[in-house]
C-alpha atoms as a PDB file:
ATOM      1  CA  UNK A   1     -26.458-100.660  17.041  1.00  0.00           C
ATOM      2  CA  UNK A   2     -29.706 -99.019  18.202  1.00  0.00           C
ATOM      3  CA  UNK A   3     -29.603 -95.699  16.386  1.00  0.00           C
ATOM      4  CA  UNK A   4     -32.448 -93.239  16.232  1.00  0.00           C
ATOM      5  CA  UNK A   5     -32.851 -94.050  12.518  1.00  0.00           C
ATOM      6  CA  UNK A   6     -33.184 -97.788  13.208  1.00  0.00           C
ATOM      7  CA  UNK A   7     -35.736 -97.091  15.929  1.00  0.00           C
ATOM      8  CA  UNK A   8     -37.865 -95.036  13.565  1.00  0.00           C
ATOM      9  CA  UNK A   9     -37.530 -97.678  10.838  1.00  0.00           C
ATOM     10  CA  UNK A  10     -38.663-100.453  13.189  1.00  0.00           C
ATOM     11  CA  UNK A  11     -41.492 -98.300  14.522  1.00  0.00           C
ATOM     12  CA  UNK A  12     -42.660 -97.510  10.998  1.00  0.00           C
ATOM     13  CA  UNK A  13     -42.580-101.175   9.929  1.00  0.00           C
ATOM     14  CA  UNK A  14     -44.602-102.115  12.983  1.00  0.00           C
ATOM     15  CA  UNK A  15     -47.195 -99.494  12.202  1.00  0.00           C
ATOM     16  CA  UNK A  16     -47.414-100.692   8.583  1.00  0.00           C
ATOM     17  CA  UNK A  17     -48.124-104.181   9.829  1.00  0.00           C
ATOM     18  CA  UNK A  18     -51.079-102.784  11.724  1.00  0.00           C
ATOM     19  CA  UNK A  19     -52.413-101.175   8.574  1.00  0.00           C
ATOM     20  CA  UNK A  20     -51.901 -97.484   9.399  1.00  0.00           C
ATOM     21  CA  UNK A  21     -51.415 -94.892   6.675  1.00  0.00           C
ATOM     22  CA  UNK A  22     -48.089 -93.441   5.550  1.00  0.00           C
ATOM     23  CA  UNK A  23     -49.230 -90.039   6.805  1.00  0.00           C
ATOM     24  CA  UNK A  24     -49.610 -91.477  10.295  1.00  0.00           C
ATOM     25  CA  UNK A  25     -46.170 -93.073  10.118  1.00  0.00           C
ATOM     26  CA  UNK A  26     -44.371 -89.925   9.019  1.00  0.00           C
ATOM     27  CA  UNK A  27     -46.191 -87.793  11.578  1.00  0.00           C
ATOM     28  CA  UNK A  28     -45.056 -90.113  14.351  1.00  0.00           C
ATOM     29  CA  UNK A  29     -41.523 -90.327  12.999  1.00  0.00           C
ATOM     30  CA  UNK A  30     -41.335 -86.539  13.143  1.00  0.00           C
ATOM     31  CA  UNK A  31     -42.560 -86.613  16.742  1.00  0.00           C
ATOM     32  CA  UNK A  32     -39.832 -89.096  17.668  1.00  0.00           C
ATOM     33  CA  UNK A  33     -37.227 -86.884  16.029  1.00  0.00           C
ATOM     34  CA  UNK A  34     -38.479 -83.672  17.593  1.00  0.00           C
ATOM     35  CA  UNK A  35     -35.941 -82.373  20.077  1.00  0.00           C
ATOM     36  CA  UNK A  36     -36.690 -80.197  23.074  1.00  0.00           C
ATOM     37  CA  UNK A  37     -34.949 -76.843  23.138  1.00  0.00           C
ATOM     38  CA  UNK A  38     -32.840 -76.322  26.252  1.00  0.00           C
ATOM     39  CA  UNK A  39     -31.438 -72.820  26.737  1.00  0.00           C
ATOM     40  CA  UNK A  40     -28.777 -71.688  29.214  1.00  0.00           C
ATOM     41  CA  UNK A  41     -27.194 -68.307  29.924  1.00  0.00           C
ATOM     42  CA  UNK A  42     -23.461 -67.668  29.730  1.00  0.00           C
ATOM     43  CA  UNK A  43     -22.404 -65.293  32.490  1.00  0.00           C
ATOM     44  CA  UNK A  44     -20.081 -63.411  30.130  1.00  0.00           C
ATOM     45  CA  UNK A  45     -23.155 -61.889  28.484  1.00  0.00           C
ATOM     46  CA  UNK A  46     -23.424 -59.632  31.549  1.00  0.00           C
ATOM     47  CA  UNK A  47     -19.694 -59.145  32.088  1.00  0.00           C
ATOM     48  CA  UNK A  48     -19.770 -55.330  32.042  1.00  0.00           C
ATOM     49  CA  UNK A  49     -22.449 -55.218  34.722  1.00  0.00           C
ATOM     50  CA  UNK A  50     -20.607 -57.726  36.913  1.00  0.00           C
ATOM     51  CA  UNK A  51     -17.205 -56.095  36.511  1.00  0.00           C
ATOM     52  CA  UNK A  52     -18.738 -52.654  37.032  1.00  0.00           C
ATOM     53  CA  UNK A  53     -20.550 -53.624  40.213  1.00  0.00           C
ATOM     54  CA  UNK A  54     -24.037 -53.017  38.836  1.00  0.00           C
ATOM     55  CA  UNK A  55     -24.806 -56.704  39.351  1.00  0.00           C
ATOM     56  CA  UNK A  56     -23.534 -59.145  41.974  1.00  0.00           C
ATOM     57  CA  UNK A  57     -21.972 -62.304  40.515  1.00  0.00           C
ATOM     58  CA  UNK A  58     -23.160 -64.258  43.545  1.00  0.00           C
ATOM     59  CA  UNK A  59     -26.745 -63.645  42.363  1.00  0.00           C
ATOM     60  CA  UNK A  60     -26.204 -64.878  38.821  1.00  0.00           C
ATOM     61  CA  UNK A  61     -28.579 -67.832  39.074  1.00  0.00           C
ATOM     62  CA  UNK A  62     -31.404 -65.647  40.392  1.00  0.00           C
ATOM     63  CA  UNK A  63     -30.742 -63.067  37.664  1.00  0.00           C
ATOM     64  CA  UNK A  64     -30.941 -65.729  34.960  1.00  0.00           C
ATOM     65  CA  UNK A  65     -34.236 -67.019  36.311  1.00  0.00           C
ATOM     66  CA  UNK A  66     -35.995 -63.813  37.318  1.00  0.00           C
ATOM     67  CA  UNK A  67     -34.839 -61.477  34.547  1.00  0.00           C
ATOM     68  CA  UNK A  68     -34.633 -63.865  31.591  1.00  0.00           C
ATOM     69  CA  UNK A  69     -36.693 -66.932  32.591  1.00  0.00           C
ATOM     70  CA  UNK A  70     -33.679 -69.169  31.981  1.00  0.00           C
ATOM     71  CA  UNK A  71     -33.135 -72.124  34.315  1.00  0.00           C
ATOM     72  CA  UNK A  72     -29.582 -73.191  33.456  1.00  0.00           C
ATOM     73  CA  UNK A  73     -26.361 -71.185  33.755  1.00  0.00           C
ATOM     74  CA  UNK A  74     -22.699 -71.195  32.721  1.00  0.00           C
ATOM     75  CA  UNK A  75     -20.366 -69.413  35.145  1.00  0.00           C
ATOM     76  CA  UNK A  76     -17.130 -67.575  34.316  1.00  0.00           C
ATOM     77  CA  UNK A  77     -14.196 -67.935  36.714  1.00  0.00           C
ATOM     78  CA  UNK A  78     -13.115 -64.299  36.219  1.00  0.00           C
ATOM     79  CA  UNK A  79     -15.823 -63.166  38.634  1.00  0.00           C
ATOM     80  CA  UNK A  80     -14.800 -65.563  41.419  1.00  0.00           C
ATOM     81  CA  UNK A  81     -11.000 -65.506  41.586  1.00  0.00           C
ATOM     82  CA  UNK A  82     -10.910 -64.632  45.295  1.00  0.00           C
ATOM     83  CA  UNK A  83     -13.323 -67.467  46.123  1.00  0.00           C
ATOM     84  CA  UNK A  84     -11.716 -70.087  43.857  1.00  0.00           C
ATOM     85  CA  UNK A  85     -10.735 -72.494  46.656  1.00  0.00           C
ATOM     86  CA  UNK A  86     -13.489 -71.554  49.124  1.00  0.00           C
ATOM     87  CA  UNK A  87     -15.607 -74.702  49.303  1.00  0.00           C
ATOM     88  CA  UNK A  88     -18.169 -73.051  51.576  1.00  0.00           C
ATOM     89  CA  UNK A  89     -18.695 -70.300  48.998  1.00  0.00           C
ATOM     90  CA  UNK A  90     -19.383 -72.816  46.236  1.00  0.00           C
ATOM     91  CA  UNK A  91     -21.750 -74.770  48.454  1.00  0.00           C
ATOM     92  CA  UNK A  92     -23.706 -71.566  49.071  1.00  0.00           C
ATOM     93  CA  UNK A  93     -23.696 -70.797  45.337  1.00  0.00           C
ATOM     94  CA  UNK A  94     -25.132 -74.239  44.660  1.00  0.00           C
ATOM     95  CA  UNK A  95     -27.823 -73.692  47.274  1.00  0.00           C
ATOM     96  CA  UNK A  96     -28.752 -70.325  45.706  1.00  0.00           C
ATOM     97  CA  UNK A  97     -29.061 -71.905  42.278  1.00  0.00           C
ATOM     98  CA  UNK A  98     -31.193 -74.781  43.545  1.00  0.00           C
ATOM     99  CA  UNK A  99     -33.458 -72.412  45.494  1.00  0.00           C
ATOM    100  CA  UNK A 100     -34.174 -70.631  42.215  1.00  0.00           C
ATOM    101  CA  UNK A 101     -34.717 -73.852  40.293  1.00  0.00           C
ATOM    102  CA  UNK A 102     -31.591 -73.219  38.234  1.00  0.00           C
ATOM    103  CA  UNK A 103     -29.153 -75.879  37.039  1.00  0.00           C
ATOM    104  CA  UNK A 104     -25.424 -75.097  37.116  1.00  0.00           C
ATOM    105  CA  UNK A 105     -23.868 -76.511  33.947  1.00  0.00           C
ATOM    106  CA  UNK A 106     -20.235 -75.481  33.770  1.00  0.00           C
ATOM    107  CA  UNK A 107     -17.526 -72.992  34.671  1.00  0.00           C
ATOM    108  CA  UNK A 108     -15.698 -71.201  31.865  1.00  0.00           C
ATOM    109  CA  UNK A 109     -12.033 -70.971  32.859  1.00  0.00           C
ATOM    110  CA  UNK A 110      -9.858 -68.151  31.538  1.00  0.00           C
ATOM    111  CA  UNK A 111      -6.432 -66.732  32.431  1.00  0.00           C
ATOM    112  CA  UNK A 112      -4.811 -69.901  33.750  1.00  0.00           C
ATOM    113  CA  UNK A 113      -1.817 -69.931  31.372  1.00  0.00           C
ATOM    114  CA  UNK A 114      -1.299 -72.295  28.430  1.00  0.00           C
ATOM    115  CA  UNK A 115      -2.259 -75.945  28.573  1.00  0.00           C
ATOM    116  CA  UNK A 116      -0.161 -76.387  25.417  1.00  0.00           C
ATOM    117  CA  UNK A 117       2.931 -74.561  26.651  1.00  0.00           C
ATOM    118  CA  UNK A 118       6.099 -75.954  25.068  1.00  0.00           C
ATOM    119  CA  UNK A 119       7.825 -75.769  28.464  1.00  0.00           C
ATOM    120  CA  UNK A 120       7.030 -78.977  30.378  1.00  0.00           C
ATOM    121  CA  UNK A 121       7.153 -77.291  33.781  1.00  0.00           C
ATOM    122  CA  UNK A 122       4.891 -74.409  32.768  1.00  0.00           C
ATOM    123  CA  UNK A 123       2.466 -76.829  31.134  1.00  0.00           C
ATOM    124  CA  UNK A 124       2.284 -78.933  34.286  1.00  0.00           C
ATOM    125  CA  UNK A 125       1.655 -75.800  36.377  1.00  0.00           C
ATOM    126  CA  UNK A 126      -1.135 -74.731  34.023  1.00  0.00           C
ATOM    127  CA  UNK A 127      -2.760 -78.142  34.382  1.00  0.00           C
ATOM    128  CA  UNK A 128      -2.564 -77.956  38.180  1.00  0.00           C
ATOM    129  CA  UNK A 129      -3.877 -74.383  38.222  1.00  0.00           C
ATOM    130  CA  UNK A 130      -7.095 -75.707  36.660  1.00  0.00           C
ATOM    131  CA  UNK A 131      -7.682 -78.230  39.456  1.00  0.00           C
ATOM    132  CA  UNK A 132      -9.369 -75.701  41.741  1.00  0.00           C
ATOM    133  CA  UNK A 133     -11.997 -74.952  39.087  1.00  0.00           C
ATOM    134  CA  UNK A 134     -12.718 -78.638  38.624  1.00  0.00           C
ATOM    135  CA  UNK A 135     -13.242 -78.900  42.372  1.00  0.00           C
ATOM    136  CA  UNK A 136     -15.500 -75.824  42.353  1.00  0.00           C
ATOM    137  CA  UNK A 137     -17.496 -77.225  39.438  1.00  0.00           C
ATOM    138  CA  UNK A 138     -18.030 -80.479  41.301  1.00  0.00           C
ATOM    139  CA  UNK A 139     -19.349 -78.677  44.398  1.00  0.00           C
ATOM    140  CA  UNK A 140     -21.656 -76.541  42.227  1.00  0.00           C
ATOM    141  CA  UNK A 141     -23.081 -79.650  40.575  1.00  0.00           C
ATOM    142  CA  UNK A 142     -21.744 -78.774  37.128  1.00  0.00           C
ATOM    143  CA  UNK A 143     -20.953 -81.384  34.495  1.00  0.00           C
ATOM    144  CA  UNK A 144     -17.942 -79.570  32.998  1.00  0.00           C
ATOM    145  CA  UNK A 145     -15.343 -76.857  32.951  1.00  0.00           C
ATOM    146  CA  UNK A 146     -14.504 -75.040  29.719  1.00  0.00           C
ATOM    147  CA  UNK A 147     -10.802 -74.420  29.079  1.00  0.00           C
ATOM    148  CA  UNK A 148      -8.690 -72.624  26.465  1.00  0.00           C
ATOM    149  CA  UNK A 149      -6.331 -74.825  24.472  1.00  0.00           C
ATOM    150  CA  UNK A 150      -3.685 -72.222  23.710  1.00  0.00           C
ATOM    151  CA  UNK A 151       0.002 -72.993  23.408  1.00  0.00           C
ATOM    152  CA  UNK A 152       3.068 -72.253  21.317  1.00  0.00           C
ATOM    153  CA  UNK A 153       5.419 -73.805  18.798  1.00  0.00           C
ATOM    154  CA  UNK A 154       5.026 -75.308  15.341  1.00  0.00           C
ATOM    155  CA  UNK A 155       1.754 -77.208  14.687  1.00  0.00           C
ATOM    156  CA  UNK A 156       3.293 -80.628  15.349  1.00  0.00           C
ATOM    157  CA  UNK A 157       5.015 -79.482  18.541  1.00  0.00           C
ATOM    158  CA  UNK A 158       1.877 -77.718  19.730  1.00  0.00           C
ATOM    159  CA  UNK A 159      -0.187 -80.815  19.031  1.00  0.00           C
ATOM    160  CA  UNK A 160       2.124 -82.945  21.169  1.00  0.00           C
ATOM    161  CA  UNK A 161       2.032 -80.407  24.013  1.00  0.00           C
ATOM    162  CA  UNK A 162      -1.769 -80.112  23.918  1.00  0.00           C
ATOM    163  CA  UNK A 163      -2.275 -83.869  23.897  1.00  0.00           C
ATOM    164  CA  UNK A 164      -0.087 -84.033  26.998  1.00  0.00           C
ATOM    165  CA  UNK A 165      -1.585 -81.035  28.815  1.00  0.00           C
ATOM    166  CA  UNK A 166      -5.193 -81.827  28.034  1.00  0.00           C
ATOM    167  CA  UNK A 167      -4.569 -85.491  28.739  1.00  0.00           C
ATOM    168  CA  UNK A 168      -3.219 -84.730  32.214  1.00  0.00           C
ATOM    169  CA  UNK A 169      -6.089 -82.360  33.010  1.00  0.00           C
ATOM    170  CA  UNK A 170      -8.737 -84.737  31.706  1.00  0.00           C
ATOM    171  CA  UNK A 171      -7.307 -87.584  33.758  1.00  0.00           C
ATOM    172  CA  UNK A 172      -7.706 -85.510  36.922  1.00  0.00           C
ATOM    173  CA  UNK A 173     -11.188 -84.281  35.923  1.00  0.00           C
ATOM    174  CA  UNK A 174     -12.402 -87.787  35.139  1.00  0.00           C
ATOM    175  CA  UNK A 175     -11.701 -88.860  38.724  1.00  0.00           C
ATOM    176  CA  UNK A 176     -14.108 -86.118  39.847  1.00  0.00           C
ATOM    177  CA  UNK A 177     -16.643 -86.994  37.112  1.00  0.00           C
ATOM    178  CA  UNK A 178     -16.153 -83.587  35.480  1.00  0.00           C
ATOM    179  CA  UNK A 179     -15.711 -83.044  31.743  1.00  0.00           C
ATOM    180  CA  UNK A 180     -13.092 -80.802  30.162  1.00  0.00           C
ATOM    181  CA  UNK A 181     -14.523 -78.881  27.206  1.00  0.00           C
ATOM    182  CA  UNK A 182     -12.654 -77.059  24.453  1.00  0.00           C
ATOM    183  CA  UNK A 183     -14.080 -73.906  22.918  1.00  0.00           C
ATOM    184  CA  UNK A 184     -13.065 -72.381  19.603  1.00  0.00           C
ATOM    185  CA  UNK A 185     -11.325 -69.219  20.797  1.00  0.00           C
ATOM    186  CA  UNK A 186      -9.183 -68.176  17.863  1.00  0.00           C
ATOM    187  CA  UNK A 187      -5.940 -69.197  16.166  1.00  0.00           C
ATOM    188  CA  UNK A 188      -5.469 -72.999  16.104  1.00  0.00           C
ATOM    189  CA  UNK A 189      -8.310 -73.521  18.618  1.00  0.00           C
ATOM    190  CA  UNK A 190     -10.726 -72.438  15.881  1.00  0.00           C
ATOM    191  CA  UNK A 191      -9.323 -75.033  13.488  1.00  0.00           C
ATOM    192  CA  UNK A 192     -11.975 -77.631  14.248  1.00  0.00           C
ATOM    193  CA  UNK A 193     -10.330 -80.478  12.336  1.00  0.00           C
ATOM    194  CA  UNK A 194      -6.955 -79.896  14.004  1.00  0.00           C
ATOM    195  CA  UNK A 195      -8.502 -79.814  17.491  1.00  0.00           C
ATOM    196  CA  UNK A 196     -10.687 -82.842  16.779  1.00  0.00           C
ATOM    197  CA  UNK A 197      -7.506 -84.755  16.030  1.00  0.00           C
ATOM    198  CA  UNK A 198      -6.136 -83.825  19.452  1.00  0.00           C
ATOM    199  CA  UNK A 199      -9.346 -84.925  21.165  1.00  0.00           C
ATOM    200  CA  UNK A 200      -9.143 -88.287  19.413  1.00  0.00           C
ATOM    201  CA  UNK A 201      -5.535 -88.746  20.530  1.00  0.00           C
ATOM    202  CA  UNK A 202      -6.378 -88.051  24.172  1.00  0.00           C
ATOM    203  CA  UNK A 203      -9.167 -90.592  23.711  1.00  0.00           C
ATOM    204  CA  UNK A 204     -11.244 -89.913  26.818  1.00  0.00           C
ATOM    205  CA  UNK A 205     -15.026 -89.511  27.063  1.00  0.00           C
ATOM    206  CA  UNK A 206     -14.310 -86.726  29.549  1.00  0.00           C
ATOM    207  CA  UNK A 207     -12.663 -84.500  26.914  1.00  0.00           C
ATOM    208  CA  UNK A 208     -15.229 -82.767  24.721  1.00  0.00           C
ATOM    209  CA  UNK A 209     -16.182 -79.513  23.045  1.00  0.00           C
ATOM    210  CA  UNK A 210     -18.257 -76.396  23.535  1.00  0.00           C
ATOM    211  CA  UNK A 211     -18.594 -75.151  19.944  1.00  0.00           C
ATOM    212  CA  UNK A 212     -19.229 -71.406  19.737  1.00  0.00           C
ATOM    213  CA  UNK A 213     -21.282 -70.030  16.837  1.00  0.00           C
ATOM    214  CA  UNK A 214     -19.121 -66.937  16.515  1.00  0.00           C
ATOM    215  CA  UNK A 215     -15.512 -67.717  17.458  1.00  0.00           C
ATOM    216  CA  UNK A 216     -14.081 -69.135  14.242  1.00  0.00           C
ATOM    217  CA  UNK A 217     -11.335 -66.573  13.565  1.00  0.00           C
ATOM    218  CA  UNK A 218      -8.020 -68.225  12.652  1.00  0.00           C
ATOM    219  CA  UNK A 219      -5.869 -65.094  12.652  1.00  0.00           C
ATOM    220  CA  UNK A 220      -6.571 -63.667  16.110  1.00  0.00           C
ATOM    221  CA  UNK A 221      -6.571 -64.937  19.689  1.00  0.00           C
ATOM    222  CA  UNK A 222     -10.030 -65.175  21.302  1.00  0.00           C
ATOM    223  CA  UNK A 223     -11.473 -65.637  17.833  1.00  0.00           C
ATOM    224  CA  UNK A 224     -14.396 -63.205  17.500  1.00  0.00           C
ATOM    225  CA  UNK A 225     -15.744 -63.045  13.964  1.00  0.00           C
ATOM    226  CA  UNK A 226     -17.569 -59.727  14.028  1.00  0.00           C
ATOM    227  CA  UNK A 227     -16.309 -56.937  11.755  1.00  0.00           C
ATOM    228  CA  UNK A 228     -15.178 -54.877  14.754  1.00  0.00           C
ATOM    229  CA  UNK A 229     -12.714 -57.604  15.732  1.00  0.00           C
ATOM    230  CA  UNK A 230     -10.764 -57.468  12.426  1.00  0.00           C
ATOM    231  CA  UNK A 231     -11.045 -61.126  11.549  1.00  0.00           C
ATOM    232  CA  UNK A 232      -9.652 -61.820   8.077  1.00  0.00           C
ATOM    233  CA  UNK A 233      -9.460 -65.630   8.083  1.00  0.00           C
ATOM    234  CA  UNK A 234     -12.553 -67.515   9.204  1.00  0.00           C
ATOM    235  CA  UNK A 235     -12.959 -71.276   9.558  1.00  0.00           C
ATOM    236  CA  UNK A 236     -16.375 -72.121   8.010  1.00  0.00           C
ATOM    237  CA  UNK A 237     -18.732 -72.077  11.009  1.00  0.00           C
ATOM    238  CA  UNK A 238     -21.027 -74.772   9.630  1.00  0.00           C
ATOM    239  CA  UNK A 239     -18.113 -77.129   8.960  1.00  0.00           C
ATOM    240  CA  UNK A 240     -16.563 -76.443  12.357  1.00  0.00           C
ATOM    241  CA  UNK A 241     -19.857 -77.059  14.111  1.00  0.00           C
ATOM    242  CA  UNK A 242     -20.398 -80.364  12.314  1.00  0.00           C
ATOM    243  CA  UNK A 243     -16.859 -81.513  13.128  1.00  0.00           C
ATOM    244  CA  UNK A 244     -17.236 -80.636  16.813  1.00  0.00           C
ATOM    245  CA  UNK A 245     -20.804 -81.704  17.589  1.00  0.00           C
ATOM    246  CA  UNK A 246     -19.879 -85.385  18.009  1.00  0.00           C
ATOM    247  CA  UNK A 247     -17.774 -84.323  21.015  1.00  0.00           C
ATOM    248  CA  UNK A 248     -20.062 -81.529  22.264  1.00  0.00           C
ATOM    249  CA  UNK A 249     -21.477 -81.348  25.771  1.00  0.00           C
ATOM    250  CA  UNK A 250     -22.738 -77.805  25.258  1.00  0.00           C
ATOM    251  CA  UNK A 251     -23.177 -75.229  22.483  1.00  0.00           C
ATOM    252  CA  UNK A 252     -22.491 -71.501  22.767  1.00  0.00           C
ATOM    253  CA  UNK A 253     -24.900 -69.397  20.689  1.00  0.00           C
ATOM    254  CA  UNK A 254     -22.791 -66.264  20.242  1.00  0.00           C
ATOM    255  CA  UNK A 255     -24.820 -63.265  19.073  1.00  0.00           C
ATOM    256  CA  UNK A 256     -23.540 -59.863  18.002  1.00  0.00           C
ATOM    257  CA  UNK A 257     -26.149 -57.475  16.579  1.00  0.00           C
ATOM    258  CA  UNK A 258     -29.654 -57.645  15.190  1.00  0.00           C
ATOM    259  CA  UNK A 259     -31.532 -56.272  12.206  1.00  0.00           C
ATOM    260  CA  UNK A 260     -35.102 -54.965  12.213  1.00  0.00           C
ATOM    261  CA  UNK A 261     -36.494 -58.511  11.883  1.00  0.00           C
ATOM    262  CA  UNK A 262     -34.570 -59.748  14.919  1.00  0.00           C
ATOM    263  CA  UNK A 263     -31.977 -61.744  12.981  1.00  0.00           C
ATOM    264  CA  UNK A 264     -28.296 -61.676  13.891  1.00  0.00           C
ATOM    265  CA  UNK A 265     -26.313 -59.712  11.313  1.00  0.00           C
ATOM    266  CA  UNK A 266     -23.105 -61.754  11.735  1.00  0.00           C
ATOM    267  CA  UNK A 267     -24.092 -65.316  12.665  1.00  0.00           C
ATOM    268  CA  UNK A 268     -26.350 -67.458  10.465  1.00  0.00           C
ATOM    269  CA  UNK A 269     -28.592 -68.772  13.244  1.00  0.00           C
ATOM    270  CA  UNK A 270     -30.981 -70.718  10.962  1.00  0.00           C
ATOM    271  CA  UNK A 271     -28.141 -72.671   9.353  1.00  0.00           C
ATOM    272  CA  UNK A 272     -26.298 -73.402  12.593  1.00  0.00           C
ATOM    273  CA  UNK A 273     -29.346 -74.219  14.692  1.00  0.00           C
ATOM    274  CA  UNK A 274     -30.553 -76.597  11.981  1.00  0.00           C
ATOM    275  CA  UNK A 275     -27.229 -78.441  12.176  1.00  0.00           C
ATOM    276  CA  UNK A 276     -27.543 -78.675  15.965  1.00  0.00           C
ATOM    277  CA  UNK A 277     -31.158 -79.835  15.838  1.00  0.00           C
ATOM    278  CA  UNK A 278     -30.464 -82.534  13.255  1.00  0.00           C
ATOM    279  CA  UNK A 279     -27.444 -83.872  15.162  1.00  0.00           C
ATOM    280  CA  UNK A 280     -27.375 -86.253  18.131  1.00  0.00           C
ATOM    281  CA  UNK A 281     -26.536 -83.361  20.458  1.00  0.00           C
ATOM    282  CA  UNK A 282     -29.103 -83.083  23.235  1.00  0.00           C
ATOM    283  CA  UNK A 283     -27.557 -80.584  25.641  1.00  0.00           C
ATOM    284  CA  UNK A 284     -28.085 -76.895  26.358  1.00  0.00           C
ATOM    285  CA  UNK A 285     -27.634 -74.056  23.908  1.00  0.00           C
ATOM    286  CA  UNK A 286     -26.014 -71.213  25.831  1.00  0.00           C
ATOM    287  CA  UNK A 287     -26.770 -67.567  25.091  1.00  0.00           C
ATOM    288  CA  UNK A 288     -23.652 -65.423  24.892  1.00  0.00           C
ATOM    289  CA  UNK A 289     -24.448 -61.897  23.738  1.00  0.00           C
ATOM    290  CA  UNK A 290     -21.440 -59.791  22.712  1.00  0.00           C
ATOM    291  CA  UNK A 291     -23.050 -56.997  20.743  1.00  0.00           C
ATOM    292  CA  UNK A 292     -22.770 -53.244  21.137  1.00  0.00           C
ATOM    293  CA  UNK A 293     -26.028 -52.124  19.564  1.00  0.00           C
ATOM    294  CA  UNK A 294     -28.232 -52.662  22.613  1.00  0.00           C
ATOM    295  CA  UNK A 295     -27.905 -53.237  26.327  1.00  0.00           C
ATOM    296  CA  UNK A 296     -26.827 -56.640  27.590  1.00  0.00           C
ATOM    297  CA  UNK A 297     -30.315 -57.262  28.956  1.00  0.00           C
ATOM    298  CA  UNK A 298     -31.935 -56.403  25.629  1.00  0.00           C
ATOM    299  CA  UNK A 299     -29.319 -58.424  23.735  1.00  0.00           C
ATOM    300  CA  UNK A 300     -29.865 -61.537  25.846  1.00  0.00           C
ATOM    301  CA  UNK A 301     -33.620 -61.290  25.397  1.00  0.00           C
ATOM    302  CA  UNK A 302     -33.228 -60.741  21.646  1.00  0.00           C
ATOM    303  CA  UNK A 303     -30.942 -63.766  21.363  1.00  0.00           C
ATOM    304  CA  UNK A 304     -33.347 -65.935  23.342  1.00  0.00           C
ATOM    305  CA  UNK A 305     -36.261 -64.850  21.159  1.00  0.00           C
ATOM    306  CA  UNK A 306     -34.234 -65.552  18.000  1.00  0.00           C
ATOM    307  CA  UNK A 307     -33.263 -69.054  19.140  1.00  0.00           C
ATOM    308  CA  UNK A 308     -36.821 -69.920  20.156  1.00  0.00           C
ATOM    309  CA  UNK A 309     -38.284 -68.630  16.890  1.00  0.00           C
ATOM    310  CA  UNK A 310     -35.754 -70.300  14.606  1.00  0.00           C
ATOM    311  CA  UNK A 311     -35.799 -73.612  16.502  1.00  0.00           C
ATOM    312  CA  UNK A 312     -39.483 -74.047  15.638  1.00  0.00           C
ATOM    313  CA  UNK A 313     -38.860 -73.647  11.910  1.00  0.00           C
ATOM    314  CA  UNK A 314     -35.642 -75.581  11.225  1.00  0.00           C
END
């Protein structure tokens, strides 16, 4: 198997044969390992402005590029419910993104009922209700949709229902070359080991994860781990991230609030970004600011600056 480690080992042996110094070898090995930082913007970071009408969701790509110098975006379906099945609308949205040099990565899908519903009919309807977002994502040029893996019943029953629901949805998405990504969003969805077991049972390369730095709360739906969200049972974020990165096709860098040095007061960015950088993950790290201490614009910029600064040192 041609792993990165084997490549470096072979490269180093070849250099030794040519008589170069160890310092040269290690310097070049570090260069091989160095990973480019790719940042995207999650639309939810600006949700208040979009819901309030201060910003137009149709201009999201331009906003990301012109206001934040970010050239990749993650849409949220909540802002486009009326246009969900309008193929012309999504074609125009793709054109707007491309005109601004922005890549459309995924659509985050909320409020489409439970993919792990214990009722077979309701579960099937939930699966089918997601189809329109897969179609929209394909027109946009996205690689994925992000879904919520909620459901009901005892753990074993829920597991069976989720394997079925996610399996059906992934089968449809695979035909359109779109991935289905799971995000830790509270309760069982933030139990990384439990959800990894479900992913393995579905056994499709089109079912993956979008690990969120901040949503590891096991006792509340939606899973926020800030003090204001009353989380009392937290899955270890570093363990969850490690367990989910092998399936990840995106990472959500949730940020809450910042201290005087520009560090997040809730999320350990150095620890988590180091795990991401040292893994095989090579996708985008999405900014999702959810703090209250500054404006959304300031929060996004602060999160971007934090990621860029820490990435250079880990």
